[in-house]
Amino acid sequence: LHRYIPMYKLGFWAKFDGISIILSFNEDGKLVKAITRGDEELGVDKTGFFANVDFTYMIPDKFKGKKIGIKTECIMPNDLFDEYNNKYAGGKLVNARTAITSLLNSETFTEIHRKYINLIPLMYSVDGKQVPPLPELVKTVTRAAGVFYLWPGIAFEKDTLIDIIKASKKYADNIGYDCDGIVVRWVEPEVIET
């Protein structure tokens, strides 16, 4: 029976506890918009803040020359949070997310921001269409950002799902960033849309 049922892939991603930022680039790879995601759909326009940041590492060669949208998560490594909190906030910040909020409220992007902020790409759209997390894209992100997608698009049998969930929990607990757990979602855009 199962050979007649289409096999769809599930992807497992770390659910970082940071600030979502949606970046939009034109065909020349120039940033045209950087918007935080708020309680409603859109939050604050931070385009000017990120205007001089080099995002080329986020755009794979195969997407160059196209309009790109990237949903990112702005996060701070746990091992830098205590340093930032003590040095710049007198130890008053509760967690790395509050430190990121504080940094994003700045007027200009400085070397301080470059040291403490990591922008992790989560989802891409190319010319207005969402693209699945391809293996070559994962390699690009891994090399550039120092973190990785967890089993992107792995197809599983019911007998292995428990092992995947256990490994996901271990991964989330040891990732080195504030992490709420794991996001599980369909990989293929056509499945997501139906």
N, C-alpha and C. Protein backbone atom coordinates (compact mmCIF):
# COMPACT_ATOMS: atom_id res chain seq x y z
N LEU A 1 0.82 -1.21 0.00
CA LEU A 1 0.00 0.00 0.00
C LEU A 1 0.86 1.26 0.00
N HIS A 2 1.98 1.28 0.80
CA HIS A 2 2.71 2.53 0.95
C HIS A 2 3.35 3.01 -0.35
N ARG A 3 3.55 2.11 -1.33
CA ARG A 3 4.16 2.57 -2.58
C ARG A 3 3.21 3.45 -3.38
N TYR A 4 1.91 3.42 -3.05
CA TYR A 4 0.95 4.28 -3.73
C TYR A 4 0.72 5.60 -3.00
N ILE A 5 1.26 5.70 -1.80
CA ILE A 5 1.11 6.93 -1.02
C ILE A 5 2.36 7.78 -1.22
N PRO A 6 2.20 9.05 -1.67
CA PRO A 6 3.39 9.87 -1.89
C PRO A 6 4.19 10.05 -0.60
N MET A 7 5.52 10.00 -0.71
CA MET A 7 6.38 10.20 0.46
C MET A 7 6.79 11.66 0.50
N TYR A 8 6.31 12.38 1.46
CA TYR A 8 6.70 13.77 1.62
C TYR A 8 7.77 13.87 2.69
N LYS A 9 8.60 14.87 2.57
CA LYS A 9 9.72 15.01 3.49
C LYS A 9 9.40 16.02 4.59
N LEU A 10 9.80 15.68 5.80
CA LEU A 10 9.72 16.61 6.91
C LEU A 10 11.13 17.15 7.18
N GLY A 11 11.20 18.44 7.49
CA GLY A 11 12.47 19.03 7.89
C GLY A 11 12.43 19.35 9.37
N PHE A 12 13.58 19.27 10.02
CA PHE A 12 13.71 19.57 11.45
C PHE A 12 14.69 20.72 11.60
N TRP A 13 14.23 21.84 12.19
CA TRP A 13 15.07 23.02 12.35
C TRP A 13 15.08 23.46 13.81
N ALA A 14 16.20 24.01 14.22
CA ALA A 14 16.26 24.57 15.56
C ALA A 14 15.32 25.78 15.65
N LYS A 15 14.57 25.88 16.75
CA LYS A 15 13.70 27.04 16.99
C LYS A 15 14.47 28.00 17.89
N PHE A 16 15.23 28.88 17.26
CA PHE A 16 16.04 29.83 18.01
C PHE A 16 15.16 30.85 18.71
N ASP A 17 15.56 31.27 19.90
CA ASP A 17 14.82 32.29 20.64
C ASP A 17 15.53 33.62 20.43
N GLY A 18 15.23 34.23 19.29
CA GLY A 18 15.83 35.52 18.95
C GLY A 18 14.78 36.46 18.39
N ILE A 19 15.21 37.33 17.49
CA ILE A 19 14.32 38.28 16.84
C ILE A 19 14.29 37.95 15.35
N SER A 20 13.10 37.71 14.81
CA SER A 20 12.97 37.41 13.38
C SER A 20 13.16 38.68 12.56
N ILE A 21 13.97 38.56 11.52
CA ILE A 21 14.17 39.68 10.59
C ILE A 21 14.05 39.15 9.18
N ILE A 22 13.22 39.81 8.37
CA ILE A 22 13.03 39.41 6.99
C ILE A 22 13.84 40.36 6.11
N LEU A 23 14.77 39.79 5.34
CA LEU A 23 15.64 40.56 4.46
C LEU A 23 15.17 40.38 3.02
N SER A 24 15.18 41.47 2.25
CA SER A 24 14.84 41.41 0.83
C SER A 24 15.99 42.01 0.03
N PHE A 25 16.39 41.32 -1.04
CA PHE A 25 17.49 41.75 -1.89
C PHE A 25 17.01 41.86 -3.33
N ASN A 26 17.56 42.84 -4.07
CA ASN A 26 17.23 42.94 -5.49
C ASN A 26 18.12 42.00 -6.29
N GLU A 27 17.99 42.05 -7.62
CA GLU A 27 18.75 41.15 -8.49
C GLU A 27 20.25 41.35 -8.39
N ASP A 28 20.69 42.53 -7.96
CA ASP A 28 22.12 42.82 -7.81
C ASP A 28 22.66 42.39 -6.44
N GLY A 29 21.81 41.80 -5.62
CA GLY A 29 22.23 41.37 -4.29
C GLY A 29 22.27 42.50 -3.28
N LYS A 30 21.67 43.65 -3.63
CA LYS A 30 21.65 44.80 -2.72
C LYS A 30 20.43 44.69 -1.80
N LEU A 31 20.67 44.94 -0.51
CA LEU A 31 19.58 44.91 0.47
C LEU A 31 18.61 46.05 0.19
N VAL A 32 17.33 45.72 0.03
CA VAL A 32 16.32 46.76 -0.19
C VAL A 32 15.36 46.89 1.00
N LYS A 33 15.28 45.87 1.84
CA LYS A 33 14.40 45.93 3.01
C LYS A 33 14.90 45.00 4.09
N ALA A 34 14.80 45.45 5.34
CA ALA A 34 15.06 44.61 6.50
C ALA A 34 14.00 44.96 7.53
N ILE A 35 13.08 44.04 7.74
CA ILE A 35 11.92 44.30 8.60
C ILE A 35 11.88 43.27 9.71
N THR A 36 11.71 43.72 10.95
CA THR A 36 11.52 42.76 12.04
C THR A 36 10.10 42.23 11.96
N ARG A 37 9.90 41.05 12.50
CA ARG A 37 8.58 40.47 12.54
C ARG A 37 8.02 40.70 13.93
N GLY A 38 6.92 41.42 13.99
CA GLY A 38 6.34 41.77 15.29
C GLY A 38 5.17 40.88 15.64
N ASP A 39 4.36 41.33 16.61
CA ASP A 39 3.18 40.57 17.03
C ASP A 39 2.17 40.47 15.90
N GLU A 40 2.06 41.55 15.15
CA GLU A 40 1.25 41.48 13.93
C GLU A 40 2.16 40.87 12.88
N GLU A 41 1.95 41.17 11.60
CA GLU A 41 2.80 40.51 10.60
C GLU A 41 4.17 41.17 10.50
N LEU A 42 4.23 42.50 10.53
CA LEU A 42 5.51 43.19 10.38
C LEU A 42 5.77 44.07 11.58
N GLY A 43 7.04 44.23 11.90
CA GLY A 43 7.42 45.05 13.04
C GLY A 43 8.06 46.34 12.60
N VAL A 44 9.36 46.48 12.85
CA VAL A 44 10.07 47.74 12.64
C VAL A 44 10.97 47.64 11.42
N ASP A 45 11.01 48.73 10.65
CA ASP A 45 11.89 48.80 9.48
C ASP A 45 13.31 49.08 9.95
N LYS A 46 14.22 48.12 9.77
CA LYS A 46 15.63 48.27 10.17
C LYS A 46 16.56 48.28 8.95
N THR A 47 16.01 48.69 7.79
CA THR A 47 16.81 48.69 6.56
C THR A 47 18.04 49.56 6.70
N GLY A 48 17.88 50.75 7.23
CA GLY A 48 19.02 51.65 7.40
C GLY A 48 20.06 51.09 8.33
N PHE A 49 19.63 50.40 9.36
CA PHE A 49 20.55 49.82 10.34
C PHE A 49 21.46 48.77 9.70
N PHE A 50 20.90 47.95 8.80
CA PHE A 50 21.66 46.88 8.18
C PHE A 50 22.24 47.25 6.82
N ALA A 51 22.10 48.51 6.40
CA ALA A 51 22.47 48.91 5.04
C ALA A 51 23.91 48.59 4.68
N ASN A 52 24.84 48.70 5.61
CA ASN A 52 26.26 48.49 5.30
C ASN A 52 26.79 47.12 5.71
N VAL A 53 25.89 46.19 6.03
CA VAL A 53 26.30 44.83 6.41
C VAL A 53 26.46 43.99 5.14
N ASP A 54 27.52 43.21 5.07
CA ASP A 54 27.77 42.34 3.92
C ASP A 54 27.00 41.02 4.11
N PHE A 55 25.97 40.83 3.29
CA PHE A 55 25.15 39.63 3.38
C PHE A 55 25.45 38.63 2.27
N THR A 56 26.54 38.82 1.53
CA THR A 56 26.81 37.95 0.38
C THR A 56 26.92 36.47 0.80
N TYR A 57 27.37 36.21 2.01
CA TYR A 57 27.52 34.82 2.44
C TYR A 57 26.18 34.10 2.52
N MET A 58 25.07 34.85 2.60
CA MET A 58 23.76 34.23 2.72
C MET A 58 23.14 33.88 1.37
N ILE A 59 23.71 34.39 0.28
CA ILE A 59 23.08 34.19 -1.03
C ILE A 59 23.90 33.18 -1.83
N PRO A 60 23.39 31.96 -1.97
CA PRO A 60 24.10 30.95 -2.75
C PRO A 60 24.26 31.39 -4.20
N ASP A 61 25.31 30.92 -4.85
CA ASP A 61 25.59 31.29 -6.23
C ASP A 61 24.40 31.03 -7.14
N LYS A 62 23.71 29.92 -6.93
CA LYS A 62 22.60 29.57 -7.83
C LYS A 62 21.44 30.56 -7.75
N PHE A 63 21.39 31.41 -6.69
CA PHE A 63 20.31 32.38 -6.56
C PHE A 63 20.74 33.79 -6.99
N LYS A 64 22.00 33.98 -7.34
CA LYS A 64 22.47 35.31 -7.70
C LYS A 64 21.80 35.77 -8.99
N GLY A 65 21.51 37.07 -9.07
CA GLY A 65 20.81 37.61 -10.23
C GLY A 65 19.31 37.52 -10.12
N LYS A 66 18.81 37.09 -8.97
CA LYS A 66 17.36 36.97 -8.75
C LYS A 66 16.96 37.79 -7.52
N LYS A 67 15.69 38.09 -7.42
CA LYS A 67 15.17 38.73 -6.21
C LYS A 67 15.09 37.67 -5.12
N ILE A 68 15.69 37.98 -3.96
CA ILE A 68 15.78 37.01 -2.88
C ILE A 68 15.11 37.56 -1.63
N GLY A 69 14.36 36.73 -0.95
CA GLY A 69 13.85 37.03 0.38
C GLY A 69 14.40 36.00 1.34
N ILE A 70 14.87 36.45 2.49
CA ILE A 70 15.41 35.51 3.48
C ILE A 70 14.80 35.81 4.85
N LYS A 71 14.15 34.81 5.41
CA LYS A 71 13.69 34.94 6.80
C LYS A 71 14.87 34.52 7.67
N THR A 72 15.30 35.40 8.55
CA THR A 72 16.44 35.11 9.42
C THR A 72 16.03 35.20 10.88
N GLU A 73 16.87 34.67 11.73
CA GLU A 73 16.71 34.85 13.17
C GLU A 73 17.97 35.52 13.68
N CYS A 74 17.78 36.62 14.36
CA CYS A 74 18.89 37.39 14.94
C CYS A 74 19.11 36.87 16.36
N ILE A 75 20.28 36.26 16.60
CA ILE A 75 20.54 35.59 17.87
C ILE A 75 21.93 35.94 18.39
N MET A 76 22.16 35.66 19.66
CA MET A 76 23.45 35.88 20.29
C MET A 76 23.92 34.57 20.91
N PRO A 77 25.18 34.18 20.65
CA PRO A 77 25.68 32.95 21.27
C PRO A 77 25.64 33.05 22.80
N ASN A 78 25.27 31.95 23.45
CA ASN A 78 25.20 31.94 24.91
C ASN A 78 26.53 32.31 25.57
N ASP A 79 27.64 31.88 24.96
CA ASP A 79 28.93 32.16 25.59
C ASP A 79 29.33 33.63 25.51
N LEU A 80 28.63 34.41 24.68
CA LEU A 80 28.91 35.86 24.63
C LEU A 80 27.89 36.68 25.41
N PHE A 81 26.76 36.07 25.79
CA PHE A 81 25.72 36.82 26.48
C PHE A 81 26.21 37.39 27.81
N ASP A 82 26.85 36.57 28.64
CA ASP A 82 27.31 37.06 29.95
C ASP A 82 28.30 38.21 29.78
N GLU A 83 29.19 38.07 28.82
CA GLU A 83 30.16 39.13 28.56
C GLU A 83 29.45 40.44 28.17
N TYR A 84 28.50 40.35 27.24
CA TYR A 84 27.76 41.54 26.80
C TYR A 84 26.95 42.12 27.95
N ASN A 85 26.25 41.26 28.68
CA ASN A 85 25.39 41.69 29.78
C ASN A 85 26.20 42.45 30.84
N ASN A 86 27.34 41.92 31.22
CA ASN A 86 28.17 42.56 32.25
C ASN A 86 28.83 43.84 31.73
N LYS A 87 29.29 43.81 30.50
CA LYS A 87 30.05 44.93 29.94
C LYS A 87 29.17 46.12 29.57
N TYR A 88 27.97 45.84 29.02
CA TYR A 88 27.15 46.92 28.46
C TYR A 88 25.82 47.15 29.18
N ALA A 89 25.40 46.21 30.04
CA ALA A 89 24.08 46.35 30.67
C ALA A 89 24.13 46.20 32.17
N GLY A 90 25.31 46.20 32.76
CA GLY A 90 25.43 46.09 34.21
C GLY A 90 24.81 44.83 34.79
N GLY A 91 24.73 43.77 34.00
CA GLY A 91 24.18 42.50 34.47
C GLY A 91 22.67 42.47 34.59
N LYS A 92 21.97 43.46 34.02
CA LYS A 92 20.51 43.58 34.21
C LYS A 92 19.67 42.82 33.18
N LEU A 93 20.28 42.35 32.10
CA LEU A 93 19.51 41.68 31.07
C LEU A 93 19.17 40.25 31.49
N VAL A 94 17.99 39.80 31.11
CA VAL A 94 17.49 38.49 31.53
C VAL A 94 18.06 37.36 30.68
N ASN A 95 18.14 37.59 29.37
CA ASN A 95 18.61 36.53 28.47
C ASN A 95 19.16 37.15 27.18
N ALA A 96 19.65 36.29 26.29
CA ALA A 96 20.26 36.78 25.05
C ALA A 96 19.25 37.50 24.17
N ARG A 97 17.98 37.10 24.23
CA ARG A 97 16.96 37.77 23.40
C ARG A 97 16.81 39.23 23.81
N THR A 98 16.85 39.52 25.10
CA THR A 98 16.75 40.93 25.53
C THR A 98 18.00 41.70 25.11
N ALA A 99 19.15 41.03 25.08
CA ALA A 99 20.37 41.68 24.61
C ALA A 99 20.27 42.01 23.13
N ILE A 100 19.72 41.09 22.33
CA ILE A 100 19.53 41.33 20.90
C ILE A 100 18.57 42.50 20.68
N THR A 101 17.48 42.53 21.46
CA THR A 101 16.53 43.64 21.35
C THR A 101 17.23 44.96 21.63
N SER A 102 18.06 44.98 22.67
CA SER A 102 18.81 46.18 23.01
C SER A 102 19.72 46.60 21.86
N LEU A 103 20.43 45.65 21.27
CA LEU A 103 21.33 45.97 20.16
C LEU A 103 20.57 46.46 18.93
N LEU A 104 19.42 45.86 18.65
CA LEU A 104 18.66 46.28 17.47
C LEU A 104 18.02 47.65 17.64
N ASN A 105 17.94 48.14 18.86
CA ASN A 105 17.42 49.49 19.09
C ASN A 105 18.46 50.57 18.83
N SER A 106 19.68 50.16 18.50
CA SER A 106 20.74 51.13 18.18
C SER A 106 20.44 51.81 16.85
N GLU A 107 21.09 52.95 16.64
CA GLU A 107 20.91 53.69 15.39
C GLU A 107 21.80 53.16 14.27
N THR A 108 23.02 52.75 14.61
CA THR A 108 23.95 52.31 13.57
C THR A 108 24.57 50.97 13.94
N PHE A 109 24.95 50.23 12.92
CA PHE A 109 25.58 48.92 13.08
C PHE A 109 27.08 49.13 13.29
N THR A 110 27.62 48.64 14.40
CA THR A 110 29.02 48.88 14.74
C THR A 110 29.76 47.55 14.92
N GLU A 111 31.02 47.63 15.28
CA GLU A 111 31.79 46.42 15.56
C GLU A 111 31.23 45.65 16.76
N ILE A 112 30.60 46.36 17.68
CA ILE A 112 29.95 45.69 18.81
C ILE A 112 28.85 44.76 18.29
N HIS A 113 28.05 45.28 17.37
CA HIS A 113 26.98 44.47 16.79
C HIS A 113 27.58 43.29 16.03
N ARG A 114 28.64 43.55 15.28
CA ARG A 114 29.27 42.49 14.49
C ARG A 114 29.77 41.35 15.39
N LYS A 115 30.23 41.70 16.58
CA LYS A 115 30.74 40.68 17.50
C LYS A 115 29.62 39.86 18.14
N TYR A 116 28.55 40.51 18.55
CA TYR A 116 27.55 39.83 19.38
C TYR A 116 26.33 39.31 18.63
N ILE A 117 26.09 39.82 17.41
CA ILE A 117 24.90 39.41 16.66
C ILE A 117 25.24 38.33 15.65
N ASN A 118 24.44 37.29 15.59
CA ASN A 118 24.48 36.31 14.50
C ASN A 118 23.12 36.34 13.80
N LEU A 119 23.14 36.47 12.49
CA LEU A 119 21.92 36.37 11.70
C LEU A 119 21.93 35.01 11.01
N ILE A 120 20.97 34.18 11.35
CA ILE A 120 20.91 32.82 10.83
C ILE A 120 19.79 32.74 9.80
N PRO A 121 20.10 32.40 8.54
CA PRO A 121 19.04 32.24 7.54
C PRO A 121 18.20 31.01 7.82
N LEU A 122 16.88 31.17 7.79
CA LEU A 122 15.98 30.05 8.06
C LEU A 122 15.22 29.59 6.82
N MET A 123 14.66 30.55 6.07
CA MET A 123 13.88 30.22 4.88
C MET A 123 14.19 31.20 3.77
N TYR A 124 14.16 30.70 2.54
CA TYR A 124 14.44 31.51 1.37
C TYR A 124 13.23 31.55 0.44
N SER A 125 13.09 32.70 -0.24
CA SER A 125 12.20 32.75 -1.40
C SER A 125 13.02 33.34 -2.54
N VAL A 126 12.77 32.84 -3.74
CA VAL A 126 13.49 33.29 -4.93
C VAL A 126 12.45 33.73 -5.95
N ASP A 127 12.56 35.00 -6.38
CA ASP A 127 11.58 35.58 -7.30
C ASP A 127 10.16 35.35 -6.79
N GLY A 128 9.97 35.48 -5.49
CA GLY A 128 8.64 35.40 -4.88
C GLY A 128 8.15 34.00 -4.57
N LYS A 129 8.95 32.95 -4.84
CA LYS A 129 8.51 31.58 -4.55
C LYS A 129 9.43 30.96 -3.51
N GLN A 130 8.82 30.35 -2.51
CA GLN A 130 9.61 29.69 -1.46
C GLN A 130 10.37 28.52 -2.05
N VAL A 131 11.62 28.37 -1.62
CA VAL A 131 12.43 27.24 -2.08
C VAL A 131 12.68 26.30 -0.92
N PRO A 132 12.73 24.99 -1.19
CA PRO A 132 13.03 24.05 -0.12
C PRO A 132 14.48 24.17 0.31
N PRO A 133 14.81 23.73 1.51
CA PRO A 133 16.19 23.82 2.00
C PRO A 133 17.06 22.75 1.34
N LEU A 134 17.66 23.12 0.21
CA LEU A 134 18.46 22.17 -0.55
C LEU A 134 19.78 21.87 0.16
N PRO A 135 20.31 20.67 -0.02
CA PRO A 135 21.57 20.31 0.66
C PRO A 135 22.71 21.29 0.38
N GLU A 136 22.83 21.77 -0.88
CA GLU A 136 23.91 22.71 -1.17
C GLU A 136 23.72 24.03 -0.44
N LEU A 137 22.46 24.42 -0.21
CA LEU A 137 22.17 25.63 0.56
C LEU A 137 22.56 25.43 2.01
N VAL A 138 22.29 24.27 2.55
CA VAL A 138 22.65 23.97 3.93
C VAL A 138 24.16 24.07 4.11
N LYS A 139 24.92 23.55 3.16
CA LYS A 139 26.38 23.61 3.25
C LYS A 139 26.86 25.06 3.27
N THR A 140 26.24 25.90 2.44
CA THR A 140 26.62 27.31 2.39
C THR A 140 26.39 27.96 3.75
N VAL A 141 25.22 27.73 4.33
CA VAL A 141 24.89 28.33 5.61
C VAL A 141 25.80 27.80 6.71
N THR A 142 26.07 26.51 6.69
CA THR A 142 26.92 25.91 7.71
C THR A 142 28.29 26.56 7.72
N ARG A 143 28.87 26.70 6.56
CA ARG A 143 30.21 27.25 6.44
C ARG A 143 30.23 28.71 6.90
N ALA A 144 29.20 29.47 6.54
CA ALA A 144 29.21 30.90 6.82
C ALA A 144 28.83 31.23 8.25
N ALA A 145 27.84 30.56 8.77
CA ALA A 145 27.26 30.97 10.04
C ALA A 145 27.73 30.15 11.23
N GLY A 146 28.32 29.02 10.98
CA GLY A 146 28.82 28.21 12.09
C GLY A 146 27.74 27.40 12.78
N VAL A 147 26.52 27.45 12.27
CA VAL A 147 25.47 26.58 12.80
C VAL A 147 24.85 25.88 11.60
N PHE A 148 24.02 24.91 11.83
CA PHE A 148 23.53 24.14 10.70
C PHE A 148 22.06 23.78 10.88
N TYR A 149 21.44 23.50 9.73
CA TYR A 149 20.10 22.95 9.79
C TYR A 149 20.19 21.52 10.27
N LEU A 150 19.23 21.10 11.04
CA LEU A 150 19.21 19.74 11.56
C LEU A 150 18.41 18.85 10.62
N TRP A 151 19.06 17.88 10.01
CA TRP A 151 18.40 16.92 9.12
C TRP A 151 17.40 17.58 8.17
N PRO A 152 17.86 18.49 7.34
CA PRO A 152 16.88 19.16 6.48
C PRO A 152 16.23 18.17 5.53
N GLY A 153 14.93 18.14 5.55
CA GLY A 153 14.19 17.32 4.61
C GLY A 153 14.38 15.83 4.78
N ILE A 154 14.65 15.37 5.97
CA ILE A 154 14.84 13.93 6.15
C ILE A 154 13.49 13.22 6.00
N ALA A 155 13.51 12.13 5.27
CA ALA A 155 12.31 11.29 5.18
C ALA A 155 12.45 10.21 6.25
N PHE A 156 11.42 9.95 6.98
CA PHE A 156 11.54 9.00 8.09
C PHE A 156 10.48 7.92 8.02
N GLU A 157 10.80 6.81 8.59
CA GLU A 157 9.82 5.76 8.81
C GLU A 157 9.32 5.90 10.25
N LYS A 158 8.14 5.42 10.54
CA LYS A 158 7.58 5.61 11.87
C LYS A 158 8.48 5.04 12.96
N ASP A 159 9.24 3.99 12.64
CA ASP A 159 10.10 3.37 13.64
C ASP A 159 11.31 4.23 14.00
N THR A 160 11.69 5.15 13.12
CA THR A 160 12.87 5.98 13.40
C THR A 160 12.51 7.36 13.94
N LEU A 161 11.23 7.71 13.91
CA LEU A 161 10.83 9.06 14.34
C LEU A 161 11.21 9.33 15.80
N ILE A 162 11.03 8.36 16.67
CA ILE A 162 11.36 8.55 18.10
C ILE A 162 12.85 8.87 18.25
N ASP A 163 13.69 8.16 17.50
CA ASP A 163 15.14 8.42 17.56
C ASP A 163 15.46 9.83 17.08
N ILE A 164 14.77 10.26 16.02
CA ILE A 164 14.99 11.61 15.50
C ILE A 164 14.58 12.65 16.55
N ILE A 165 13.45 12.43 17.21
CA ILE A 165 12.98 13.38 18.23
C ILE A 165 13.98 13.44 19.40
N LYS A 166 14.48 12.28 19.82
CA LYS A 166 15.47 12.27 20.91
C LYS A 166 16.74 13.02 20.51
N ALA A 167 17.21 12.75 19.30
CA ALA A 167 18.42 13.43 18.82
C ALA A 167 18.17 14.94 18.68
N SER A 168 16.96 15.32 18.26
CA SER A 168 16.60 16.73 18.14
C SER A 168 16.66 17.44 19.48
N LYS A 169 16.15 16.77 20.51
CA LYS A 169 16.17 17.34 21.87
C LYS A 169 17.62 17.55 22.33
N LYS A 170 18.46 16.56 22.09
CA LYS A 170 19.87 16.67 22.47
C LYS A 170 20.53 17.82 21.72
N TYR A 171 20.23 17.93 20.44
CA TYR A 171 20.77 19.00 19.61
C TYR A 171 20.33 20.37 20.15
N ALA A 172 19.03 20.53 20.42
CA ALA A 172 18.50 21.80 20.91
C ALA A 172 19.10 22.19 22.25
N ASP A 173 19.35 21.20 23.10
CA ASP A 173 19.90 21.48 24.43
C ASP A 173 21.38 21.88 24.39
N ASN A 174 22.06 21.55 23.30
CA ASN A 174 23.50 21.77 23.24
C ASN A 174 23.95 22.68 22.10
N ILE A 175 23.03 23.43 21.52
CA ILE A 175 23.36 24.18 20.31
C ILE A 175 24.22 25.43 20.59
N GLY A 176 24.18 25.93 21.83
CA GLY A 176 25.00 27.11 22.13
C GLY A 176 24.28 28.43 21.94
N TYR A 177 22.98 28.37 21.65
CA TYR A 177 22.12 29.56 21.54
C TYR A 177 20.86 29.26 22.33
N ASP A 178 20.13 30.32 22.73
CA ASP A 178 18.82 30.07 23.33
C ASP A 178 17.95 29.40 22.27
N CYS A 179 17.39 28.27 22.63
CA CYS A 179 16.64 27.48 21.67
C CYS A 179 15.41 26.92 22.37
N ASP A 180 14.24 27.19 21.79
CA ASP A 180 12.97 26.75 22.38
C ASP A 180 12.65 25.29 22.08
N GLY A 181 13.38 24.69 21.16
CA GLY A 181 13.08 23.33 20.76
C GLY A 181 13.32 23.17 19.28
N ILE A 182 12.53 22.35 18.63
CA ILE A 182 12.71 22.05 17.21
C ILE A 182 11.41 22.33 16.46
N VAL A 183 11.53 22.99 15.32
CA VAL A 183 10.40 23.19 14.42
C VAL A 183 10.40 22.04 13.43
N VAL A 184 9.23 21.41 13.27
CA VAL A 184 9.06 20.33 12.31
C VAL A 184 8.07 20.82 11.27
N ARG A 185 8.50 20.79 9.99
CA ARG A 185 7.59 21.27 8.95
C ARG A 185 7.84 20.51 7.65
N TRP A 186 6.82 20.52 6.80
CA TRP A 186 6.99 19.92 5.48
C TRP A 186 8.04 20.69 4.71
N VAL A 187 8.77 20.00 3.85
CA VAL A 187 9.83 20.63 3.07
C VAL A 187 9.32 21.16 1.74
N GLU A 188 8.56 20.37 1.01
CA GLU A 188 8.14 20.77 -0.33
C GLU A 188 7.12 21.90 -0.28
N PRO A 189 7.40 23.02 -0.99
CA PRO A 189 6.46 24.16 -0.98
C PRO A 189 5.05 23.79 -1.40
N GLU A 190 4.91 22.87 -2.38
CA GLU A 190 3.56 22.51 -2.85
C GLU A 190 2.77 21.79 -1.77
N VAL A 191 3.47 21.08 -0.88
CA VAL A 191 2.78 20.41 0.22
C VAL A 191 2.34 21.44 1.26
N ILE A 192 3.21 22.41 1.52
CA ILE A 192 2.90 23.46 2.51
C ILE A 192 1.66 24.24 2.06
N GLU A 193 1.55 24.49 0.76
CA GLU A 193 0.46 25.32 0.25
C GLU A 193 -0.87 24.60 0.21
N THR A 194 -0.88 23.26 0.26
CA THR A 194 -2.17 22.54 0.16
C THR A 194 -2.80 22.31 1.52
